[in-house]
Protein backbone atom coordinates (compact mmCIF):
# COMPACT_ATOMS: atom_id res chain seq x y z
CA UNK A 1 -17.05 57.85 16.84
CA UNK A 2 -16.90 54.88 19.55
CA UNK A 3 -19.41 53.21 18.04
CA UNK A 4 -17.72 52.97 14.32
CA UNK A 5 -14.30 51.65 16.13
CA UNK A 6 -15.93 48.97 17.99
CA UNK A 7 -17.39 47.70 14.55
CA UNK A 8 -14.18 47.74 13.07
CA UNK A 9 -12.40 46.30 15.81
CA UNK A 10 -14.88 43.34 15.78
CA UNK A 11 -14.29 43.25 12.18
CA UNK A 12 -10.77 42.71 12.60
CA UNK A 13 -11.15 39.97 15.23
CA UNK A 14 -13.69 38.14 12.93
CA UNK A 15 -11.02 38.25 9.94
CA UNK A 16 -7.97 37.23 12.13
CA UNK A 17 -10.19 34.40 13.54
CA UNK A 18 -11.43 33.30 9.92
CA UNK A 19 -8.21 32.42 8.39
CA UNK A 20 -6.50 29.58 10.70
CA UNK A 21 -10.14 27.55 10.25
CA UNK A 22 -10.19 28.07 6.54
CA UNK A 23 -6.55 26.73 6.62
CA UNK A 24 -7.15 23.56 9.11
CA UNK A 25 -9.81 22.75 6.07
CA UNK A 26 -7.65 23.08 3.19
CA UNK A 27 -7.01 19.38 1.57
CA UNK A 28 -3.37 18.13 1.96
CA UNK A 29 -1.47 17.00 -1.10
CA UNK A 30 -1.28 13.05 -0.75
CA UNK A 31 2.12 12.81 -1.65
CA UNK A 32 3.16 15.29 0.91
CA UNK A 33 1.44 13.69 3.48
CA UNK A 34 2.84 9.96 2.26
CA UNK A 35 6.50 11.47 2.85
CA UNK A 36 5.37 13.25 5.49
CA UNK A 37 5.32 9.70 7.42
CA UNK A 38 8.73 8.17 6.72
CA UNK A 39 10.26 8.52 10.23
CA UNK A 40 12.51 5.64 11.47
CA UNK A 41 10.27 3.06 13.46
CA UNK A 42 6.89 4.27 12.62
CA UNK A 43 4.28 2.63 9.87
CA UNK A 44 0.67 2.13 9.31
CA UNK A 45 -1.52 -0.71 9.61
CA UNK A 46 -3.02 -2.58 6.98
CA UNK A 47 -5.50 -5.08 6.03
CA UNK A 48 -5.81 -6.54 2.27
CA UNK A 49 -8.35 -8.76 0.60
CA UNK A 50 -7.35 -10.39 -2.84
CA UNK A 51 -9.27 -12.95 -4.94
CA UNK A 52 -8.63 -14.74 -8.37
CA UNK A 53 -10.81 -15.78 -10.71
CA UNK A 54 -10.20 -18.02 -13.70
CA UNK A 55 -13.00 -17.39 -16.52
CA UNK A 56 -14.89 -15.75 -13.69
CA UNK A 57 -14.71 -18.78 -11.50
CA UNK A 58 -13.39 -18.37 -8.04
CA UNK A 59 -9.55 -20.02 -8.16
CA UNK A 60 -8.28 -18.75 -4.72
CA UNK A 61 -8.80 -15.74 -2.41
CA UNK A 62 -6.74 -14.29 0.88
CA UNK A 63 -6.89 -12.16 3.87
CA UNK A 64 -3.66 -10.18 4.71
CA UNK A 65 -3.09 -8.47 7.74
CA UNK A 66 -0.52 -6.63 9.45
CA UNK A 67 2.07 -3.72 9.74
CA UNK A 68 4.27 -1.46 7.43
CA UNK A 69 7.49 0.17 8.50
CA UNK A 70 8.86 2.75 7.55
CA UNK A 71 12.52 4.57 7.23
CA UNK A 72 13.86 8.03 6.07
CA UNK A 73 12.67 6.53 2.32
CA UNK A 74 9.89 4.84 2.65
CA UNK A 75 9.16 1.16 3.17
CA UNK A 76 11.85 -0.04 5.66
CA UNK A 77 10.14 -3.51 6.74
CA UNK A 78 7.16 -4.99 7.48
CA UNK A 79 4.80 -8.09 9.24
CA UNK A 80 2.23 -9.68 7.12
CA UNK A 81 0.34 -12.62 7.88
CA UNK A 82 -1.39 -14.16 5.14
CA UNK A 83 -4.80 -16.76 5.38
CA UNK A 84 -6.93 -18.32 3.12
CA UNK A 85 -10.02 -17.09 2.44
CA UNK A 86 -12.13 -19.62 0.96
CA UNK A 87 -14.81 -21.11 2.57
CA UNK A 88 -13.76 -24.59 3.97
CA UNK A 89 -10.03 -23.97 2.98
CA UNK A 90 -7.60 -24.83 6.08
CA UNK A 91 -4.19 -24.13 4.83
CA UNK A 92 -1.56 -23.35 7.34
CA UNK A 93 -1.11 -19.27 7.10
CA UNK A 94 2.17 -17.70 5.93
CA UNK A 95 3.92 -15.19 7.51
CA UNK A 96 6.25 -12.68 5.69
CA UNK A 97 8.78 -10.71 7.68
CA UNK A 98 10.79 -8.13 6.47
CA UNK A 99 13.03 -6.44 9.01
CA UNK A 100 17.17 -5.95 9.21
CA UNK A 101 17.58 -5.97 5.26
CA UNK A 102 16.46 -9.84 4.70
CA UNK A 103 12.94 -11.20 4.41
CA UNK A 104 11.91 -14.28 6.03
CA UNK A 105 8.79 -16.62 5.75
CA UNK A 106 7.30 -19.04 7.82
CA UNK A 107 4.36 -21.30 7.71
CA UNK A 108 2.17 -22.92 5.07
CA UNK A 109 4.10 -25.05 2.71
CA UNK A 110 7.09 -23.60 3.21
CA UNK A 111 6.86 -24.44 6.90
CA UNK A 112 6.26 -28.32 5.88
CA UNK A 113 9.62 -28.23 3.78
CA UNK A 114 12.01 -26.81 6.66
CA UNK A 115 14.33 -29.18 8.58
CA UNK A 116 13.27 -30.10 11.71
CA UNK A 117 13.83 -27.18 14.07
CA UNK A 118 13.59 -24.42 11.59
CA UNK A 119 10.57 -22.25 11.18
CA UNK A 120 11.91 -19.57 8.84
CA UNK A 121 13.03 -19.07 5.33
CA UNK A 122 15.15 -16.05 4.31
CA UNK A 123 14.47 -15.34 1.00
CA UNK A 124 16.72 -13.02 -1.52
CA UNK A 125 15.88 -9.53 -2.19
CA UNK A 126 16.37 -5.88 -0.63
CA UNK A 127 13.28 -4.91 1.44
CA UNK A 128 12.65 -1.71 -0.46
CA UNK A 129 12.20 -3.56 -3.43
CA UNK A 130 9.58 -6.03 -2.00
CA UNK A 131 6.19 -5.20 -2.16
CA UNK A 132 3.69 -6.27 1.29
CA UNK A 133 0.81 -6.57 -0.79
CA UNK A 134 -0.93 -8.49 -3.35
CA UNK A 135 -1.47 -5.45 -5.70
CA UNK A 136 1.20 -4.32 -8.22
CA UNK A 137 0.08 -1.38 -6.98
CA UNK A 138 2.23 -0.08 -3.94
CA UNK A 139 0.65 2.93 -2.91
CA UNK A 140 3.48 3.50 -0.52
CA UNK A 141 5.76 4.95 -2.83
CA UNK A 142 5.74 8.25 -3.64
CA UNK A 143 6.61 8.02 -7.28
CA UNK A 144 3.75 5.16 -7.74
CA UNK A 145 0.98 7.14 -5.77
CA UNK A 146 1.98 10.25 -7.78
CA UNK A 147 1.66 8.27 -11.06
CA UNK A 148 -1.63 7.43 -9.73
CA UNK A 149 -3.24 10.67 -9.27
CA UNK A 150 -2.10 11.63 -12.45
CA UNK A 151 -4.55 9.00 -14.23
CA UNK A 152 -7.74 10.21 -11.84
CA UNK A 153 -10.52 10.98 -13.76
CA UNK A 154 -11.59 12.89 -10.93
CA UNK A 155 -10.36 16.66 -11.25
CA UNK A 156 -12.37 17.99 -7.75
CA UNK A 157 -9.92 19.91 -5.77
CA UNK A 158 -9.89 18.35 -2.38
CA UNK A 159 -11.41 14.98 -3.30
CA UNK A 160 -11.30 12.34 -1.33
CA UNK A 161 -12.41 9.44 -3.91
CA UNK A 162 -9.90 9.47 -6.92
CA UNK A 163 -10.20 6.77 -9.34
CA UNK A 164 -8.77 5.74 -12.96
CA UNK A 165 -6.70 3.30 -15.08
CA UNK A 166 -3.13 2.89 -14.86
CA UNK A 167 -0.71 0.50 -17.63
CA UNK A 168 1.33 -1.95 -16.52
CA UNK A 169 4.03 0.13 -18.40
CA UNK A 170 3.68 3.16 -16.73
CA UNK A 171 3.95 1.34 -13.28
CA UNK A 172 7.10 -0.55 -14.48
CA UNK A 173 8.92 2.95 -14.93
CA UNK A 174 7.60 4.46 -11.84
CA UNK A 175 7.55 1.44 -9.27
CA UNK A 176 10.69 0.12 -8.02
CA UNK A 177 8.64 -2.71 -6.42
CA UNK A 178 7.13 -4.08 -9.52
CA UNK A 179 10.22 -3.58 -11.56
CA UNK A 180 11.73 -5.69 -9.17
CA UNK A 181 8.71 -8.49 -9.07
CA UNK A 182 8.65 -8.34 -12.79
CA UNK A 183 12.08 -9.06 -13.17
CA UNK A 184 12.65 -7.72 -16.64
CA UNK A 185 10.65 -5.41 -18.50
CA UNK A 186 7.31 -6.24 -19.91
CA UNK A 187 6.65 -6.47 -23.63
CA UNK A 188 4.11 -3.98 -25.55
CA UNK A 189 1.15 -6.45 -25.37
CA UNK A 190 1.56 -6.54 -21.60
CA UNK A 191 2.94 -3.02 -21.24
CA UNK A 192 -0.32 -1.84 -22.64
CA UNK A 193 -2.51 -3.68 -20.19
CA UNK A 194 -4.64 -1.51 -17.39
CA UNK A 195 -5.08 -1.86 -13.86
CA UNK A 196 -8.78 -0.33 -12.45
CA UNK A 197 -7.90 1.72 -9.50
CA UNK A 198 -10.06 3.84 -6.71
CA UNK A 199 -8.40 5.69 -4.13
CA UNK A 200 -9.71 6.76 -0.72
CA UNK A 201 -7.86 9.41 1.39
CA UNK A 202 -8.79 11.35 4.41
CA UNK A 203 -9.02 14.86 4.77
CA UNK A 204 -4.96 14.54 6.20
CA UNK A 205 -4.32 13.46 2.56
CA UNK A 206 -3.17 9.57 3.76
CA UNK A 207 -4.61 6.94 1.80
CA UNK A 208 -7.36 5.07 3.72
CA UNK A 209 -8.52 2.14 0.96
CA UNK A 210 -7.02 1.31 -2.40
CA UNK A 211 -9.10 -0.99 -4.45
CA UNK A 212 -7.41 -2.43 -7.67
CA UNK A 213 -8.30 -4.90 -10.73
CA UNK A 214 -6.58 -5.97 -13.49
CA UNK A 215 -6.39 -9.19 -15.62
CA UNK A 216 -3.01 -11.56 -15.38
CA UNK A 217 -1.02 -11.67 -18.40
CA UNK A 218 -1.40 -13.85 -20.40
CA UNK A 219 -5.06 -13.00 -21.54
CA UNK A 220 -5.65 -16.43 -23.11
CA UNK A 221 -5.41 -17.65 -19.53
CA UNK A 222 -8.60 -15.88 -18.33
CA UNK A 223 -6.78 -14.47 -15.24
CA UNK A 224 -8.30 -11.84 -13.18
CA UNK A 225 -7.42 -9.91 -9.82
CA UNK A 226 -8.93 -8.02 -7.50
CA UNK A 227 -7.05 -6.34 -4.25
CA UNK A 228 -8.50 -4.06 -1.60
CA UNK A 229 -6.18 -2.80 0.86
CA UNK A 230 -7.45 -0.82 3.95
CA UNK A 231 -4.98 1.60 5.94
CA UNK A 232 -5.53 2.24 9.67
CA UNK A 233 -3.41 4.21 12.30
CA UNK A 234 -1.06 6.41 10.57
CA UNK A 235 2.48 6.90 12.80
CA UNK A 236 2.14 3.80 14.96
CA UNK A 237 4.95 2.73 16.64
CA UNK A 238 6.63 -0.20 14.54
CA UNK A 239 9.53 -1.90 16.00
CA UNK A 240 10.30 -5.43 13.92
CA UNK A 241 12.51 -8.37 15.30
CA UNK A 242 14.54 -10.77 13.23
CA UNK A 243 14.25 -14.07 13.99
CA UNK A 244 16.85 -15.97 16.00
CA UNK A 245 19.86 -16.86 14.03
CA UNK A 246 19.59 -20.48 14.54
CA UNK A 247 15.83 -20.97 13.03
CA UNK A 248 16.35 -19.16 9.96
CA UNK A 249 17.47 -20.87 6.77
CA UNK A 250 18.51 -19.84 3.34
């Protein structure tokens, strides 16, 4: 009798300890995981490599590096430095700083055109409507991430790599940043054009890498673009400071 009681007690202990372990390995929904990151003065570090080809020949290449800041409803600001990634290219890097309801630019040809003593140019537009990336797919928007995953050809539950295609028309419907960038509804031909994408996520559901490729309209120009964005240090503290008023100009 005592042996039977010991066996039953052991089985109960195993069952109660196994359940939490299983729960810890359960995959997290990426959209839910992304929304949980929307905390004031927290953000994510990013590195983006982008290249543009014209009729198969290199036209430009860029490397962007910086940090994106979140607020309660999404992207609230960013600080991104863009450098040319072409061999031998010595163009001055450009810095884009979105903070306090304004977007500022410094360096590059912009810096050369500013009055003496001025380092920054204030640009129009709302921060939440402007993307810090070269890719038209702002995966940091929950609606855009959800739409992307809905086109995934990978159906395996808990997959950490998804891939598929999404049309410019679908992006226009769901993405505030893409609508702001485009400014007007794409015509039927452009709306039908596709962006091929691959998205890697961690076990926490958060994006770790996004690769997108697309043709730039009009198709007759033969311009194609590729973007490769890496995400790191989710939840990192971010405190962006606007340039001093006397150094900014419209």
